[in-house]
Amino acid sequence: MSEIFSKVKNEIAAVLDKYPNGRSAVMDVLRIAQEANGGHLTKEALGEIAALLDMRPVEVNAAAAFYTMYRIQKPAGRHHIWVCRNISCSLLGAEHIIAYLERALRIKTGETTADDKFTLSTAECLGSCGTAPMMQIDDDYYENLTESKIDEILAEKGLK
């Protein structure tokens, strides 16, 4: 077991106790491993998760690649910004919000700022259609976005 997994083995054991079989715990174990590894999953970690859960590595990789909250190989910045771009958010200005954030952060979607403070990503749906356009920063939702509201949020997060 790698150093990362040995640090979180008790947390993983507690998660495994909640599920009828190890395969059912894959998303929780991916989350724990990603947090323990500084915000991303390595190929080695995916292999260890597969062995732990009695799954094939390709199955674990498929789960990690399918869900946008997992970062494979490339760590995210300290703050991960997700902008919803599904239909409700798109109709209410998501593309404008994305472009504004790209200019404000001086990066393109999918990139991380030079100081590793922010990563900007898009998501197909963040489940807040009634308050579009919206974004998620780390675990916090910010809704009914405007440029001035984004400026306030980024200032609060220490960008400005």
C-alpha atoms as a PDB file:
ATOM      1  CA  MET A   1       0.000   0.000   0.000  1.00  0.00           C
ATOM      2  CA  SER A   2       1.385   3.404  -0.982  1.00  0.00           C
ATOM      3  CA  GLU A   3       2.147   6.170   1.470  1.00  0.00           C
ATOM      4  CA  ILE A   4      -0.981   8.043   0.407  1.00  0.00           C
ATOM      5  CA  PHE A   5      -3.272   5.079   1.030  1.00  0.00           C
ATOM      6  CA  SER A   6      -1.645   4.268   4.354  1.00  0.00           C
ATOM      7  CA  LYS A   7      -2.540   7.813   5.523  1.00  0.00           C
ATOM      8  CA  VAL A   8      -6.223   7.295   4.749  1.00  0.00           C
ATOM      9  CA  LYS A   9      -6.636   3.551   5.323  1.00  0.00           C
ATOM     10  CA  ASN A  10      -8.970   4.087   8.305  1.00  0.00           C
ATOM     11  CA  GLU A  11     -11.149   6.460   6.307  1.00  0.00           C
ATOM     12  CA  ILE A  12     -11.300   3.984   3.412  1.00  0.00           C
ATOM     13  CA  ALA A  13     -12.098   1.119   5.795  1.00  0.00           C
ATOM     14  CA  ALA A  14     -15.008   3.134   7.243  1.00  0.00           C
ATOM     15  CA  VAL A  15     -16.328   3.777   3.730  1.00  0.00           C
ATOM     16  CA  LEU A  16     -16.048   0.116   2.768  1.00  0.00           C
ATOM     17  CA  ASP A  17     -18.128  -0.819   5.821  1.00  0.00           C
ATOM     18  CA  LYS A  18     -21.035   1.239   4.429  1.00  0.00           C
ATOM     19  CA  TYR A  19     -21.374  -0.744   1.199  1.00  0.00           C
ATOM     20  CA  PRO A  20     -22.499  -4.308   0.489  1.00  0.00           C
ATOM     21  CA  ASN A  21     -19.479  -4.852  -1.783  1.00  0.00           C
ATOM     22  CA  GLY A  22     -16.269  -2.991  -2.551  1.00  0.00           C
ATOM     23  CA  ARG A  23     -17.265  -2.056  -6.096  1.00  0.00           C
ATOM     24  CA  SER A  24     -20.071   0.093  -4.721  1.00  0.00           C
ATOM     25  CA  ALA A  25     -17.534   2.237  -2.856  1.00  0.00           C
ATOM     26  CA  VAL A  26     -15.534   3.256  -5.928  1.00  0.00           C
ATOM     27  CA  MET A  27     -16.670   6.898  -5.990  1.00  0.00           C
ATOM     28  CA  ASP A  28     -16.039   7.438  -2.278  1.00  0.00           C
ATOM     29  CA  VAL A  29     -12.620   5.791  -2.480  1.00  0.00           C
ATOM     30  CA  LEU A  30     -11.704   7.868  -5.550  1.00  0.00           C
ATOM     31  CA  ARG A  31     -12.671  11.026  -3.625  1.00  0.00           C
ATOM     32  CA  ILE A  32     -10.612  10.035  -0.586  1.00  0.00           C
ATOM     33  CA  ALA A  33      -7.582   9.139  -2.711  1.00  0.00           C
ATOM     34  CA  GLN A  34      -7.805  12.371  -4.688  1.00  0.00           C
ATOM     35  CA  GLU A  35      -7.981  14.499  -1.536  1.00  0.00           C
ATOM     36  CA  ALA A  36      -5.081  12.604   0.016  1.00  0.00           C
ATOM     37  CA  ASN A  37      -2.987  13.130  -3.107  1.00  0.00           C
ATOM     38  CA  GLY A  38      -3.334  16.890  -3.289  1.00  0.00           C
ATOM     39  CA  GLY A  39      -6.288  17.076  -5.636  1.00  0.00           C
ATOM     40  CA  HIS A  40      -5.579  14.530  -8.352  1.00  0.00           C
ATOM     41  CA  LEU A  41      -5.435  10.807  -9.022  1.00  0.00           C
ATOM     42  CA  THR A  42      -2.358   9.086 -10.369  1.00  0.00           C
ATOM     43  CA  LYS A  43      -2.270   5.953 -12.500  1.00  0.00           C
ATOM     44  CA  GLU A  44      -0.722   4.168  -9.524  1.00  0.00           C
ATOM     45  CA  ALA A  45      -3.563   5.264  -7.218  1.00  0.00           C
ATOM     46  CA  LEU A  46      -6.158   4.037  -9.713  1.00  0.00           C
ATOM     47  CA  GLY A  47      -4.382   0.663  -9.784  1.00  0.00           C
ATOM     48  CA  GLU A  48      -4.344   0.457  -5.993  1.00  0.00           C
ATOM     49  CA  ILE A  49      -8.035   1.326  -5.842  1.00  0.00           C
ATOM     50  CA  ALA A  50      -8.787  -1.397  -8.379  1.00  0.00           C
ATOM     51  CA  ALA A  51      -6.906  -3.977  -6.323  1.00  0.00           C
ATOM     52  CA  LEU A  52      -8.541  -2.819  -3.092  1.00  0.00           C
ATOM     53  CA  LEU A  53     -12.054  -2.996  -4.546  1.00  0.00           C
ATOM     54  CA  ASP A  54     -11.470  -6.186  -6.557  1.00  0.00           C
ATOM     55  CA  MET A  55     -12.069  -4.345  -9.834  1.00  0.00           C
ATOM     56  CA  ARG A  56     -10.153  -4.192 -13.072  1.00  0.00           C
ATOM     57  CA  PRO A  57      -8.021  -1.029 -13.435  1.00  0.00           C
ATOM     58  CA  VAL A  58      -9.915  -0.091 -16.601  1.00  0.00           C
ATOM     59  CA  GLU A  59     -13.189  -0.039 -14.627  1.00  0.00           C
ATOM     60  CA  VAL A  60     -11.797   2.299 -11.980  1.00  0.00           C
ATOM     61  CA  ASN A  61     -10.247   4.513 -14.660  1.00  0.00           C
ATOM     62  CA  ALA A  62     -13.589   4.641 -16.506  1.00  0.00           C
ATOM     63  CA  ALA A  63     -15.373   5.827 -13.356  1.00  0.00           C
ATOM     64  CA  ALA A  64     -12.716   8.467 -12.690  1.00  0.00           C
ATOM     65  CA  ALA A  65     -12.724   9.650 -16.307  1.00  0.00           C
ATOM     66  CA  PHE A  66     -16.524   9.822 -16.559  1.00  0.00           C
ATOM     67  CA  TYR A  67     -17.134  12.092 -13.562  1.00  0.00           C
ATOM     68  CA  THR A  68     -15.828  15.645 -13.805  1.00  0.00           C
ATOM     69  CA  MET A  69     -14.973  15.915 -10.108  1.00  0.00           C
ATOM     70  CA  TYR A  70     -12.004  13.592 -10.489  1.00  0.00           C
ATOM     71  CA  ARG A  71      -8.688  14.851 -11.843  1.00  0.00           C
ATOM     72  CA  ILE A  72      -6.487  12.199 -13.435  1.00  0.00           C
ATOM     73  CA  GLN A  73      -2.725  12.835 -13.522  1.00  0.00           C
ATOM     74  CA  LYS A  74      -2.975  16.636 -13.479  1.00  0.00           C
ATOM     75  CA  PRO A  75      -3.552  18.374 -10.141  1.00  0.00           C
ATOM     76  CA  ALA A  76      -6.080  21.175  -9.912  1.00  0.00           C
ATOM     77  CA  GLY A  77      -5.346  24.555  -8.406  1.00  0.00           C
ATOM     78  CA  ARG A  78      -6.063  25.208  -4.742  1.00  0.00           C
ATOM     79  CA  HIS A  79      -9.519  26.445  -5.798  1.00  0.00           C
ATOM     80  CA  HIS A  80     -11.358  24.564  -8.509  1.00  0.00           C
ATOM     81  CA  ILE A  81     -13.944  26.668 -10.349  1.00  0.00           C
ATOM     82  CA  TRP A  82     -16.673  24.798 -12.218  1.00  0.00           C
ATOM     83  CA  VAL A  83     -19.049  26.735 -14.453  1.00  0.00           C
ATOM     84  CA  CYS A  84     -22.262  24.988 -15.408  1.00  0.00           C
ATOM     85  CA  ARG A  85     -22.874  25.120 -19.139  1.00  0.00           C
ATOM     86  CA  ASN A  86     -26.014  23.036 -19.482  1.00  0.00           C
ATOM     87  CA  ILE A  87     -29.188  24.374 -21.076  1.00  0.00           C
ATOM     88  CA  SER A  88     -30.529  26.580 -18.253  1.00  0.00           C
ATOM     89  CA  CYS A  89     -27.165  28.162 -17.566  1.00  0.00           C
ATOM     90  CA  SER A  90     -26.386  28.499 -21.278  1.00  0.00           C
ATOM     91  CA  LEU A  91     -29.665  30.260 -21.971  1.00  0.00           C
ATOM     92  CA  LEU A  92     -28.927  32.691 -19.152  1.00  0.00           C
ATOM     93  CA  GLY A  93     -25.336  33.524 -20.072  1.00  0.00           C
ATOM     94  CA  ALA A  94     -22.974  30.696 -19.128  1.00  0.00           C
ATOM     95  CA  GLU A  95     -20.774  31.287 -22.190  1.00  0.00           C
ATOM     96  CA  HIS A  96     -20.398  34.937 -21.193  1.00  0.00           C
ATOM     97  CA  ILE A  97     -19.551  33.899 -17.615  1.00  0.00           C
ATOM     98  CA  ILE A  98     -16.928  31.433 -18.866  1.00  0.00           C
ATOM     99  CA  ALA A  99     -15.349  34.050 -21.133  1.00  0.00           C
ATOM    100  CA  TYR A 100     -15.358  36.597 -18.303  1.00  0.00           C
ATOM    101  CA  LEU A 101     -13.628  34.152 -15.931  1.00  0.00           C
ATOM    102  CA  GLU A 102     -11.052  33.287 -18.602  1.00  0.00           C
ATOM    103  CA  ARG A 103     -10.202  36.991 -18.926  1.00  0.00           C
ATOM    104  CA  ALA A 104     -10.238  37.607 -15.160  1.00  0.00           C
ATOM    105  CA  LEU A 105      -8.038  34.603 -14.396  1.00  0.00           C
ATOM    106  CA  ARG A 106      -5.926  34.957 -17.566  1.00  0.00           C
ATOM    107  CA  ILE A 107      -6.356  31.271 -18.404  1.00  0.00           C
ATOM    108  CA  LYS A 108      -8.495  29.173 -20.735  1.00  0.00           C
ATOM    109  CA  THR A 109     -11.015  26.591 -19.597  1.00  0.00           C
ATOM    110  CA  GLY A 110      -9.155  23.463 -18.479  1.00  0.00           C
ATOM    111  CA  GLU A 111      -6.086  25.407 -17.361  1.00  0.00           C
ATOM    112  CA  THR A 112      -4.645  26.372 -13.983  1.00  0.00           C
ATOM    113  CA  THR A 113      -3.310  29.811 -13.093  1.00  0.00           C
ATOM    114  CA  ALA A 114       0.485  30.182 -12.956  1.00  0.00           C
ATOM    115  CA  ASP A 115       0.353  30.487  -9.148  1.00  0.00           C
ATOM    116  CA  ASP A 116      -1.653  27.217  -8.926  1.00  0.00           C
ATOM    117  CA  LYS A 117      -4.433  29.082  -7.154  1.00  0.00           C
ATOM    118  CA  PHE A 118      -7.327  28.453  -9.581  1.00  0.00           C
ATOM    119  CA  THR A 119      -8.340  25.831 -12.123  1.00  0.00           C
ATOM    120  CA  LEU A 120     -11.218  26.686 -14.447  1.00  0.00           C
ATOM    121  CA  SER A 121     -13.474  23.887 -15.731  1.00  0.00           C
ATOM    122  CA  THR A 122     -16.943  23.479 -17.153  1.00  0.00           C
ATOM    123  CA  ALA A 123     -19.554  20.965 -16.109  1.00  0.00           C
ATOM    124  CA  GLU A 124     -22.580  19.711 -17.945  1.00  0.00           C
ATOM    125  CA  CYS A 125     -24.860  20.219 -14.955  1.00  0.00           C
ATOM    126  CA  LEU A 126     -24.308  21.304 -11.385  1.00  0.00           C
ATOM    127  CA  GLY A 127     -27.956  20.858 -10.433  1.00  0.00           C
ATOM    128  CA  SER A 128     -28.939  24.462  -9.810  1.00  0.00           C
ATOM    129  CA  CYS A 129     -31.006  25.224 -12.907  1.00  0.00           C
ATOM    130  CA  GLY A 130     -33.366  27.599 -11.109  1.00  0.00           C
ATOM    131  CA  THR A 131     -30.516  29.938 -10.161  1.00  0.00           C
ATOM    132  CA  ALA A 132     -28.631  30.030 -13.472  1.00  0.00           C
ATOM    133  CA  PRO A 133     -26.047  31.014 -14.456  1.00  0.00           C
ATOM    134  CA  MET A 134     -24.026  29.474 -11.676  1.00  0.00           C
ATOM    135  CA  MET A 135     -20.617  28.166 -10.746  1.00  0.00           C
ATOM    136  CA  GLN A 136     -19.114  26.041  -8.027  1.00  0.00           C
ATOM    137  CA  ILE A 137     -15.837  26.920  -6.330  1.00  0.00           C
ATOM    138  CA  ASP A 138     -14.556  24.016  -4.274  1.00  0.00           C
ATOM    139  CA  ASP A 139     -17.714  22.952  -2.388  1.00  0.00           C
ATOM    140  CA  ASP A 140     -19.570  26.282  -2.571  1.00  0.00           C
ATOM    141  CA  TYR A 141     -22.251  27.262  -5.091  1.00  0.00           C
ATOM    142  CA  TYR A 142     -22.516  30.807  -6.458  1.00  0.00           C
ATOM    143  CA  GLU A 143     -25.718  31.532  -8.310  1.00  0.00           C
ATOM    144  CA  ASN A 144     -27.411  34.211 -10.420  1.00  0.00           C
ATOM    145  CA  LEU A 145     -23.973  35.312 -11.586  1.00  0.00           C
ATOM    146  CA  THR A 146     -23.065  38.675 -13.065  1.00  0.00           C
ATOM    147  CA  GLU A 147     -19.629  40.125 -13.793  1.00  0.00           C
ATOM    148  CA  SER A 148     -19.734  42.277 -10.650  1.00  0.00           C
ATOM    149  CA  LYS A 149     -20.808  39.303  -8.518  1.00  0.00           C
ATOM    150  CA  ILE A 150     -17.906  37.262  -9.940  1.00  0.00           C
ATOM    151  CA  ASP A 151     -15.505  40.116  -9.103  1.00  0.00           C
ATOM    152  CA  GLU A 152     -16.766  40.092  -5.493  1.00  0.00           C
ATOM    153  CA  ILE A 153     -16.401  36.313  -5.242  1.00  0.00           C
ATOM    154  CA  LEU A 154     -12.875  36.308  -6.684  1.00  0.00           C
ATOM    155  CA  ALA A 155     -11.878  39.150  -4.356  1.00  0.00           C
ATOM    156  CA  GLU A 156     -13.222  37.123  -1.427  1.00  0.00           C
ATOM    157  CA  LYS A 157     -11.137  34.161  -2.614  1.00  0.00           C
ATOM    158  CA  GLY A 158      -8.037  36.357  -2.770  1.00  0.00           C
ATOM    159  CA  LEU A 159      -7.638  36.958  -6.495  1.00  0.00           C
ATOM    160  CA  LYS A 160      -8.178  40.702  -6.469  1.00  0.00           C
END
